[in-house]
Amino acid sequence: MFLRNAIGTLLLVVLLLFGTSLPARALDLKLGSVVPNEQERTDEQALREGEKLLAARKPAQAVEEFRKVTAGFEEKYRDSREKHFCARNRDESQVYMSMAQPAGADISILPMTWALASFLEGYALIEAGRTTEARGPLARAVALSPMNAQFLSELGHLQQLDRNWPAALATFQRAEEAVRFSAQEVRKVHLSRALRGQGYTFVEMHRLEDAERAYRKCLRIDPGDRKARSELAFVQKLRGRLRRS
């Protein structure tokens, strides 16, 4: 089993896309303090370039940068018999190790680079309107980091685009459960995102009472959540129409 305590050489910046059309899908990317080797420096450079391209609203070009990173990991571990996970901290690592124990599998706990690059590739593909292609990278990101609320919510978003409402609901519920592993400074953001995803999905499943409950929970977490407030008003309006019909 391979374990690194540091998260690695990823971005310390928070790529916050607030002010764009997708504030609920802001990205938080973290950088460790270890001295990178040559490959890690190359990966970091590709991630930074992809970040710039996303910020410049050039998602198709960003995809290619993120693929440079994911392709390298896929080639490196192509013949590995270990089960690989990417963890942000020791607590998350321990959960992944316990998940593999019943099966008796040999596991490897890696820094976040592979999972993050996969997530960003999927994110950029969705931004580019290539949702079918996004399924593989997002599924890979979640497989590598199954307790990452941000990755799960992005996968749930994709399932919403596919109109796969049962799958989306289950994924957003998993995201809500996984929020306990998010960093304290983004925990409310990740929880609100998971709950808004549930609320939207409940509406599409005609479960308006459940949708209202999810949006009210969002507002208890953040009374200034304008998206949740707007969606709650919409749900209440729909429920009023149904009562009068």
C-alpha atoms as a PDB file:
ATOM      1  CA  MET A   1       0.000   0.000   0.000  1.00  0.00           C
ATOM      2  CA  PHE A   2       1.319   3.460  -0.956  1.00  0.00           C
ATOM      3  CA  LEU A   3       0.376   6.392   1.256  1.00  0.00           C
ATOM      4  CA  ARG A   4       1.393  10.037   0.976  1.00  0.00           C
ATOM      5  CA  ASN A   5       0.270  12.348   3.734  1.00  0.00           C
ATOM      6  CA  ALA A   6       0.501  15.478   1.614  1.00  0.00           C
ATOM      7  CA  ILE A   7      -2.152  16.188  -0.971  1.00  0.00           C
ATOM      8  CA  GLY A   8       0.600  16.728  -3.521  1.00  0.00           C
ATOM      9  CA  THR A   9       1.336  19.484  -5.966  1.00  0.00           C
ATOM     10  CA  LEU A  10      -2.170  20.574  -6.874  1.00  0.00           C
ATOM     11  CA  LEU A  11      -3.514  24.069  -7.024  1.00  0.00           C
ATOM     12  CA  LEU A  12      -3.783  26.000  -3.767  1.00  0.00           C
ATOM     13  CA  VAL A  13      -5.965  28.523  -5.525  1.00  0.00           C
ATOM     14  CA  VAL A  14      -9.722  28.373  -5.321  1.00  0.00           C
ATOM     15  CA  LEU A  15     -11.053  28.560  -8.862  1.00  0.00           C
ATOM     16  CA  LEU A  16     -14.243  30.363  -7.926  1.00  0.00           C
ATOM     17  CA  LEU A  17     -16.525  30.831 -10.884  1.00  0.00           C
ATOM     18  CA  PHE A  18     -18.915  33.092  -8.942  1.00  0.00           C
ATOM     19  CA  GLY A  19     -20.047  35.829 -11.240  1.00  0.00           C
ATOM     20  CA  THR A  20     -20.399  33.383 -14.127  1.00  0.00           C
ATOM     21  CA  SER A  21     -23.543  31.558 -15.156  1.00  0.00           C
ATOM     22  CA  LEU A  22     -22.735  28.605 -12.893  1.00  0.00           C
ATOM     23  CA  PRO A  23     -22.039  29.908  -9.353  1.00  0.00           C
ATOM     24  CA  ALA A  24     -23.342  26.694  -7.765  1.00  0.00           C
ATOM     25  CA  ARG A  25     -20.591  24.735  -9.477  1.00  0.00           C
ATOM     26  CA  ALA A  26     -17.596  26.696  -8.176  1.00  0.00           C
ATOM     27  CA  LEU A  27     -14.376  24.731  -7.967  1.00  0.00           C
ATOM     28  CA  ASP A  28     -12.091  24.516  -4.962  1.00  0.00           C
ATOM     29  CA  LEU A  29      -8.649  23.082  -5.705  1.00  0.00           C
ATOM     30  CA  LYS A  30      -5.978  22.583  -3.083  1.00  0.00           C
ATOM     31  CA  LEU A  31      -2.193  22.547  -3.239  1.00  0.00           C
ATOM     32  CA  GLY A  32       0.152  20.789  -0.852  1.00  0.00           C
ATOM     33  CA  SER A  33       3.584  21.998   0.187  1.00  0.00           C
ATOM     34  CA  VAL A  34       5.783  19.093  -0.904  1.00  0.00           C
ATOM     35  CA  VAL A  35       8.609  19.653  -3.383  1.00  0.00           C
ATOM     36  CA  PRO A  36       7.368  18.301  -6.731  1.00  0.00           C
ATOM     37  CA  ASN A  37       9.282  15.933  -8.973  1.00  0.00           C
ATOM     38  CA  GLU A  38       9.482  16.495 -12.723  1.00  0.00           C
ATOM     39  CA  GLN A  39       6.242  14.686 -13.546  1.00  0.00           C
ATOM     40  CA  GLU A  40       4.394  16.472 -10.770  1.00  0.00           C
ATOM     41  CA  ARG A  41       5.601  19.823 -12.080  1.00  0.00           C
ATOM     42  CA  THR A  42       4.404  18.866 -15.555  1.00  0.00           C
ATOM     43  CA  ASP A  43       0.997  17.849 -14.202  1.00  0.00           C
ATOM     44  CA  GLU A  44       0.713  21.048 -12.185  1.00  0.00           C
ATOM     45  CA  GLN A  45       1.546  23.134 -15.236  1.00  0.00           C
ATOM     46  CA  ALA A  46      -1.161  21.379 -17.256  1.00  0.00           C
ATOM     47  CA  LEU A  47      -3.712  21.893 -14.474  1.00  0.00           C
ATOM     48  CA  ARG A  48      -2.844  25.560 -14.187  1.00  0.00           C
ATOM     49  CA  GLU A  49      -3.126  26.032 -17.944  1.00  0.00           C
ATOM     50  CA  GLY A  50      -6.474  24.259 -17.923  1.00  0.00           C
ATOM     51  CA  GLU A  51      -7.618  26.511 -15.089  1.00  0.00           C
ATOM     52  CA  LYS A  52      -6.727  29.600 -17.126  1.00  0.00           C
ATOM     53  CA  LEU A  53      -8.583  28.271 -20.154  1.00  0.00           C
ATOM     54  CA  LEU A  54     -11.685  27.560 -18.073  1.00  0.00           C
ATOM     55  CA  ALA A  55     -11.583  31.047 -16.610  1.00  0.00           C
ATOM     56  CA  ALA A  56     -11.266  32.404 -20.177  1.00  0.00           C
ATOM     57  CA  ARG A  57     -14.371  30.386 -21.163  1.00  0.00           C
ATOM     58  CA  LYS A  58     -12.397  28.059 -23.419  1.00  0.00           C
ATOM     59  CA  PRO A  59     -13.502  24.673 -22.038  1.00  0.00           C
ATOM     60  CA  ALA A  60     -12.689  22.634 -25.154  1.00  0.00           C
ATOM     61  CA  GLN A  61      -9.042  23.691 -24.958  1.00  0.00           C
ATOM     62  CA  ALA A  62      -9.044  23.116 -21.201  1.00  0.00           C
ATOM     63  CA  VAL A  63     -10.125  19.511 -21.776  1.00  0.00           C
ATOM     64  CA  GLU A  64      -6.913  18.796 -23.646  1.00  0.00           C
ATOM     65  CA  GLU A  65      -4.785  20.115 -20.787  1.00  0.00           C
ATOM     66  CA  PHE A  66      -6.575  17.995 -18.212  1.00  0.00           C
ATOM     67  CA  ARG A  67      -6.329  14.936 -20.466  1.00  0.00           C
ATOM     68  CA  LYS A  68      -2.561  15.239 -20.491  1.00  0.00           C
ATOM     69  CA  VAL A  69      -2.672  14.525 -16.767  1.00  0.00           C
ATOM     70  CA  THR A  70      -5.297  11.775 -16.757  1.00  0.00           C
ATOM     71  CA  ALA A  71      -3.668   9.964 -19.680  1.00  0.00           C
ATOM     72  CA  GLY A  72      -0.385   9.823 -17.813  1.00  0.00           C
ATOM     73  CA  PHE A  73      -1.965   8.224 -14.756  1.00  0.00           C
ATOM     74  CA  GLU A  74      -3.957   5.755 -16.833  1.00  0.00           C
ATOM     75  CA  GLU A  75      -0.794   4.634 -18.572  1.00  0.00           C
ATOM     76  CA  LYS A  76       1.158   4.446 -15.324  1.00  0.00           C
ATOM     77  CA  TYR A  77      -1.404   2.256 -13.547  1.00  0.00           C
ATOM     78  CA  ARG A  78      -2.767   0.367 -16.542  1.00  0.00           C
ATOM     79  CA  ASP A  79      -1.431  -3.019 -15.389  1.00  0.00           C
ATOM     80  CA  SER A  80      -1.662  -2.426 -11.658  1.00  0.00           C
ATOM     81  CA  ARG A  81      -3.612  -4.970  -9.625  1.00  0.00           C
ATOM     82  CA  GLU A  82      -4.129  -2.551  -6.761  1.00  0.00           C
ATOM     83  CA  LYS A  83      -7.321  -0.635  -6.081  1.00  0.00           C
ATOM     84  CA  HIS A  84      -6.476   3.064  -6.274  1.00  0.00           C
ATOM     85  CA  PHE A  85      -8.061   5.889  -4.289  1.00  0.00           C
ATOM     86  CA  CYS A  86      -7.205   9.587  -4.116  1.00  0.00           C
ATOM     87  CA  ALA A  87      -7.653  11.221  -0.714  1.00  0.00           C
ATOM     88  CA  ARG A  88      -7.460  14.773   0.620  1.00  0.00           C
ATOM     89  CA  ASN A  89      -6.561  13.866   4.187  1.00  0.00           C
ATOM     90  CA  ARG A  90      -5.834  10.988   6.558  1.00  0.00           C
ATOM     91  CA  ASP A  91      -9.465  10.538   7.647  1.00  0.00           C
ATOM     92  CA  GLU A  92     -10.576  10.097   4.059  1.00  0.00           C
ATOM     93  CA  SER A  93      -7.686   7.690   3.428  1.00  0.00           C
ATOM     94  CA  GLN A  94      -8.767   5.533   6.347  1.00  0.00           C
ATOM     95  CA  VAL A  95     -12.307   5.317   4.999  1.00  0.00           C
ATOM     96  CA  TYR A  96     -11.039   4.137   1.631  1.00  0.00           C
ATOM     97  CA  MET A  97      -8.796   1.562   3.237  1.00  0.00           C
ATOM     98  CA  SER A  98     -11.726   0.209   5.241  1.00  0.00           C
ATOM     99  CA  MET A  99     -13.863   0.046   2.075  1.00  0.00           C
ATOM    100  CA  ALA A 100     -11.350  -2.281   0.447  1.00  0.00           C
ATOM    101  CA  GLN A 101     -10.706  -4.508   3.453  1.00  0.00           C
ATOM    102  CA  PRO A 102     -13.750  -6.828   3.139  1.00  0.00           C
ATOM    103  CA  ALA A 103     -12.683  -7.799  -0.362  1.00  0.00           C
ATOM    104  CA  GLY A 104      -9.090  -8.318   0.717  1.00  0.00           C
ATOM    105  CA  ALA A 105      -7.867  -6.057  -2.074  1.00  0.00           C
ATOM    106  CA  ASP A 106      -4.444  -4.413  -2.146  1.00  0.00           C
ATOM    107  CA  ILE A 107      -5.066  -0.692  -2.218  1.00  0.00           C
ATOM    108  CA  SER A 108      -3.041   2.399  -2.983  1.00  0.00           C
ATOM    109  CA  ILE A 109      -3.858   5.813  -1.521  1.00  0.00           C
ATOM    110  CA  LEU A 110      -2.667   8.531  -3.878  1.00  0.00           C
ATOM    111  CA  PRO A 111      -2.629  12.334  -3.819  1.00  0.00           C
ATOM    112  CA  MET A 112      -5.568  14.105  -5.464  1.00  0.00           C
ATOM    113  CA  THR A 113      -3.947  14.830  -8.833  1.00  0.00           C
ATOM    114  CA  TRP A 114      -5.500  11.974 -10.825  1.00  0.00           C
ATOM    115  CA  ALA A 115      -8.992  12.357  -9.403  1.00  0.00           C
ATOM    116  CA  LEU A 116      -8.914  16.139  -9.679  1.00  0.00           C
ATOM    117  CA  ALA A 117      -7.750  16.088 -13.288  1.00  0.00           C
ATOM    118  CA  SER A 118     -10.525  13.589 -14.102  1.00  0.00           C
ATOM    119  CA  PHE A 119     -13.098  15.800 -12.403  1.00  0.00           C
ATOM    120  CA  LEU A 120     -11.877  18.886 -14.247  1.00  0.00           C
ATOM    121  CA  GLU A 121     -11.891  17.045 -17.556  1.00  0.00           C
ATOM    122  CA  GLY A 122     -15.519  16.079 -16.986  1.00  0.00           C
ATOM    123  CA  TYR A 123     -16.395  19.572 -15.796  1.00  0.00           C
ATOM    124  CA  ALA A 124     -14.832  21.163 -18.864  1.00  0.00           C
ATOM    125  CA  LEU A 125     -16.580  18.699 -21.182  1.00  0.00           C
ATOM    126  CA  ILE A 126     -19.941  19.654 -19.689  1.00  0.00           C
ATOM    127  CA  GLU A 127     -19.068  23.327 -20.137  1.00  0.00           C
ATOM    128  CA  ALA A 128     -18.220  22.558 -23.769  1.00  0.00           C
ATOM    129  CA  GLY A 129     -21.605  20.862 -24.258  1.00  0.00           C
ATOM    130  CA  ARG A 130     -20.020  17.417 -24.685  1.00  0.00           C
ATOM    131  CA  THR A 131     -22.011  15.731 -21.952  1.00  0.00           C
ATOM    132  CA  THR A 132     -21.764  12.194 -23.320  1.00  0.00           C
ATOM    133  CA  GLU A 133     -17.962  12.371 -23.194  1.00  0.00           C
ATOM    134  CA  ALA A 134     -18.100  13.740 -19.652  1.00  0.00           C
ATOM    135  CA  ARG A 135     -19.545  10.527 -18.203  1.00  0.00           C
ATOM    136  CA  GLY A 136     -16.289   8.592 -18.241  1.00  0.00           C
ATOM    137  CA  PRO A 137     -14.063  11.216 -16.568  1.00  0.00           C
ATOM    138  CA  LEU A 138     -16.630  12.032 -13.877  1.00  0.00           C
ATOM    139  CA  ALA A 139     -17.268   8.366 -13.144  1.00  0.00           C
ATOM    140  CA  ARG A 140     -13.493   7.898 -12.845  1.00  0.00           C
ATOM    141  CA  ALA A 141     -13.182  10.877 -10.478  1.00  0.00           C
ATOM    142  CA  VAL A 142     -15.906   9.478  -8.217  1.00  0.00           C
ATOM    143  CA  ALA A 143     -14.409   5.975  -8.339  1.00  0.00           C
ATOM    144  CA  LEU A 144     -11.059   7.401  -7.229  1.00  0.00           C
ATOM    145  CA  SER A 145     -12.579   9.686  -4.582  1.00  0.00           C
ATOM    146  CA  PRO A 146     -16.005   8.274  -3.668  1.00  0.00           C
ATOM    147  CA  MET A 147     -16.329  10.504  -0.584  1.00  0.00           C
ATOM    148  CA  ASN A 148     -15.725  13.771  -2.426  1.00  0.00           C
ATOM    149  CA  ALA A 149     -18.937  15.810  -2.251  1.00  0.00           C
ATOM    150  CA  GLN A 150     -17.883  18.150  -5.047  1.00  0.00           C
ATOM    151  CA  PHE A 151     -17.165  15.316  -7.465  1.00  0.00           C
ATOM    152  CA  LEU A 152     -20.439  13.616  -6.576  1.00  0.00           C
ATOM    153  CA  SER A 153     -22.470  16.777  -7.123  1.00  0.00           C
ATOM    154  CA  GLU A 154     -20.919  17.259 -10.553  1.00  0.00           C
ATOM    155  CA  LEU A 155     -21.818  13.695 -11.448  1.00  0.00           C
ATOM    156  CA  GLY A 156     -25.335  14.347 -10.155  1.00  0.00           C
ATOM    157  CA  HIS A 157     -25.497  17.428 -12.376  1.00  0.00           C
ATOM    158  CA  LEU A 158     -24.577  15.313 -15.386  1.00  0.00           C
ATOM    159  CA  GLN A 159     -27.255  12.767 -14.467  1.00  0.00           C
ATOM    160  CA  GLN A 160     -29.748  15.622 -14.330  1.00  0.00           C
ATOM    161  CA  LEU A 161     -28.725  16.638 -17.846  1.00  0.00           C
ATOM    162  CA  ASP A 162     -29.354  13.017 -18.859  1.00  0.00           C
ATOM    163  CA  ARG A 163     -32.757  13.240 -17.107  1.00  0.00           C
ATOM    164  CA  ASN A 164     -31.845  10.191 -15.054  1.00  0.00           C
ATOM    165  CA  TRP A 165     -33.679  11.448 -11.986  1.00  0.00           C
ATOM    166  CA  PRO A 166     -33.364   8.389  -9.695  1.00  0.00           C
ATOM    167  CA  ALA A 167     -29.605   8.210 -10.289  1.00  0.00           C
ATOM    168  CA  ALA A 168     -29.216  11.965  -9.801  1.00  0.00           C
ATOM    169  CA  LEU A 169     -31.115  11.892  -6.521  1.00  0.00           C
ATOM    170  CA  ALA A 170     -29.033   9.017  -5.183  1.00  0.00           C
ATOM    171  CA  THR A 171     -25.817  10.790  -6.190  1.00  0.00           C
ATOM    172  CA  PHE A 172     -26.772  14.099  -4.573  1.00  0.00           C
ATOM    173  CA  GLN A 173     -27.748  12.235  -1.411  1.00  0.00           C
ATOM    174  CA  ARG A 174     -24.322  10.595  -1.420  1.00  0.00           C
ATOM    175  CA  ALA A 175     -22.809  14.063  -1.848  1.00  0.00           C
ATOM    176  CA  GLU A 176     -24.684  15.295   1.208  1.00  0.00           C
ATOM    177  CA  GLU A 177     -23.303  12.409   3.257  1.00  0.00           C
ATOM    178  CA  ALA A 178     -19.769  13.025   1.963  1.00  0.00           C
ATOM    179  CA  VAL A 179     -19.707  16.688   2.972  1.00  0.00           C
ATOM    180  CA  ARG A 180     -18.169  15.716   6.325  1.00  0.00           C
ATOM    181  CA  PHE A 181     -14.889  15.135   4.464  1.00  0.00           C
ATOM    182  CA  SER A 182     -14.913  18.571   2.804  1.00  0.00           C
ATOM    183  CA  ALA A 183     -12.621  21.269   4.141  1.00  0.00           C
ATOM    184  CA  GLN A 184     -14.297  23.438   6.740  1.00  0.00           C
ATOM    185  CA  GLU A 185     -14.117  26.584   4.591  1.00  0.00           C
ATOM    186  CA  VAL A 186     -16.110  25.013   1.741  1.00  0.00           C
ATOM    187  CA  ARG A 187     -18.352  22.643   3.692  1.00  0.00           C
ATOM    188  CA  LYS A 188     -21.416  24.895   3.544  1.00  0.00           C
ATOM    189  CA  VAL A 189     -20.919  25.459  -0.188  1.00  0.00           C
ATOM    190  CA  HIS A 190     -20.733  21.720  -0.863  1.00  0.00           C
ATOM    191  CA  LEU A 191     -23.715  20.950   1.372  1.00  0.00           C
ATOM    192  CA  SER A 192     -25.863  23.639  -0.226  1.00  0.00           C
ATOM    193  CA  ARG A 193     -24.928  22.358  -3.693  1.00  0.00           C
ATOM    194  CA  ALA A 194     -25.932  18.804  -2.775  1.00  0.00           C
ATOM    195  CA  LEU A 195     -29.238  19.966  -1.316  1.00  0.00           C
ATOM    196  CA  ARG A 196     -30.105  22.197  -4.262  1.00  0.00           C
ATOM    197  CA  GLY A 197     -29.381  19.264  -6.542  1.00  0.00           C
ATOM    198  CA  GLN A 198     -31.795  17.148  -4.536  1.00  0.00           C
ATOM    199  CA  GLY A 199     -34.407  19.890  -4.594  1.00  0.00           C
ATOM    200  CA  TYR A 200     -34.270  20.281  -8.369  1.00  0.00           C
ATOM    201  CA  THR A 201     -34.450  16.523  -8.852  1.00  0.00           C
ATOM    202  CA  PHE A 202     -37.388  16.189  -6.469  1.00  0.00           C
ATOM    203  CA  VAL A 203     -39.286  18.760  -8.554  1.00  0.00           C
ATOM    204  CA  GLU A 204     -38.649  16.765 -11.726  1.00  0.00           C
ATOM    205  CA  MET A 205     -39.863  13.644  -9.905  1.00  0.00           C
ATOM    206  CA  HIS A 206     -43.035  15.524  -8.832  1.00  0.00           C
ATOM    207  CA  ARG A 207     -42.080  15.228  -5.171  1.00  0.00           C
ATOM    208  CA  LEU A 208     -42.772  18.848  -4.321  1.00  0.00           C
ATOM    209  CA  GLU A 209     -42.958  18.441  -0.558  1.00  0.00           C
ATOM    210  CA  ASP A 210     -39.506  16.844  -0.534  1.00  0.00           C
ATOM    211  CA  ALA A 211     -38.208  19.600  -2.824  1.00  0.00           C
ATOM    212  CA  GLU A 212     -39.518  22.290  -0.498  1.00  0.00           C
ATOM    213  CA  ARG A 213     -37.893  20.555   2.454  1.00  0.00           C
ATOM    214  CA  ALA A 214     -34.521  20.455   0.652  1.00  0.00           C
ATOM    215  CA  TYR A 215     -34.625  24.137  -0.269  1.00  0.00           C
ATOM    216  CA  ARG A 216     -35.657  25.160   3.246  1.00  0.00           C
ATOM    217  CA  LYS A 217     -32.685  23.228   4.576  1.00  0.00           C
ATOM    218  CA  CYS A 218     -30.458  25.179   2.171  1.00  0.00           C
ATOM    219  CA  LEU A 219     -31.783  28.441   3.544  1.00  0.00           C
ATOM    220  CA  ARG A 220     -31.157  27.356   7.112  1.00  0.00           C
ATOM    221  CA  ILE A 221     -27.538  26.772   6.126  1.00  0.00           C
ATOM    222  CA  ASP A 222     -27.272  30.016   4.168  1.00  0.00           C
ATOM    223  CA  PRO A 223     -30.190  32.498   4.415  1.00  0.00           C
ATOM    224  CA  GLY A 224     -28.598  34.465   1.579  1.00  0.00           C
ATOM    225  CA  ASP A 225     -28.784  31.589  -0.916  1.00  0.00           C
ATOM    226  CA  ARG A 226     -30.710  33.363  -3.674  1.00  0.00           C
ATOM    227  CA  LYS A 227     -30.873  30.294  -5.890  1.00  0.00           C
ATOM    228  CA  ALA A 228     -32.483  28.211  -3.145  1.00  0.00           C
ATOM    229  CA  ARG A 229     -34.884  31.031  -2.296  1.00  0.00           C
ATOM    230  CA  SER A 230     -35.925  31.406  -5.928  1.00  0.00           C
ATOM    231  CA  GLU A 231     -36.428  27.661  -6.357  1.00  0.00           C
ATOM    232  CA  LEU A 232     -38.392  27.464  -3.104  1.00  0.00           C
ATOM    233  CA  ALA A 233     -40.745  30.201  -4.333  1.00  0.00           C
ATOM    234  CA  PHE A 234     -41.215  28.260  -7.579  1.00  0.00           C
ATOM    235  CA  VAL A 235     -42.040  25.054  -5.698  1.00  0.00           C
ATOM    236  CA  GLN A 236     -44.506  26.851  -3.437  1.00  0.00           C
ATOM    237  CA  LYS A 237     -46.195  28.335  -6.492  1.00  0.00           C
ATOM    238  CA  LEU A 238     -46.506  24.882  -8.066  1.00  0.00           C
ATOM    239  CA  ARG A 239     -47.955  23.441  -4.870  1.00  0.00           C
ATOM    240  CA  GLY A 240     -50.475  26.291  -4.737  1.00  0.00           C
ATOM    241  CA  ARG A 241     -51.604  25.552  -8.279  1.00  0.00           C
ATOM    242  CA  LEU A 242     -52.076  21.881  -7.441  1.00  0.00           C
ATOM    243  CA  ARG A 243     -54.211  22.698  -4.408  1.00  0.00           C
ATOM    244  CA  ARG A 244     -56.499  24.902  -6.497  1.00  0.00           C
ATOM    245  CA  SER A 245     -56.835  22.374  -9.312  1.00  0.00           C
END
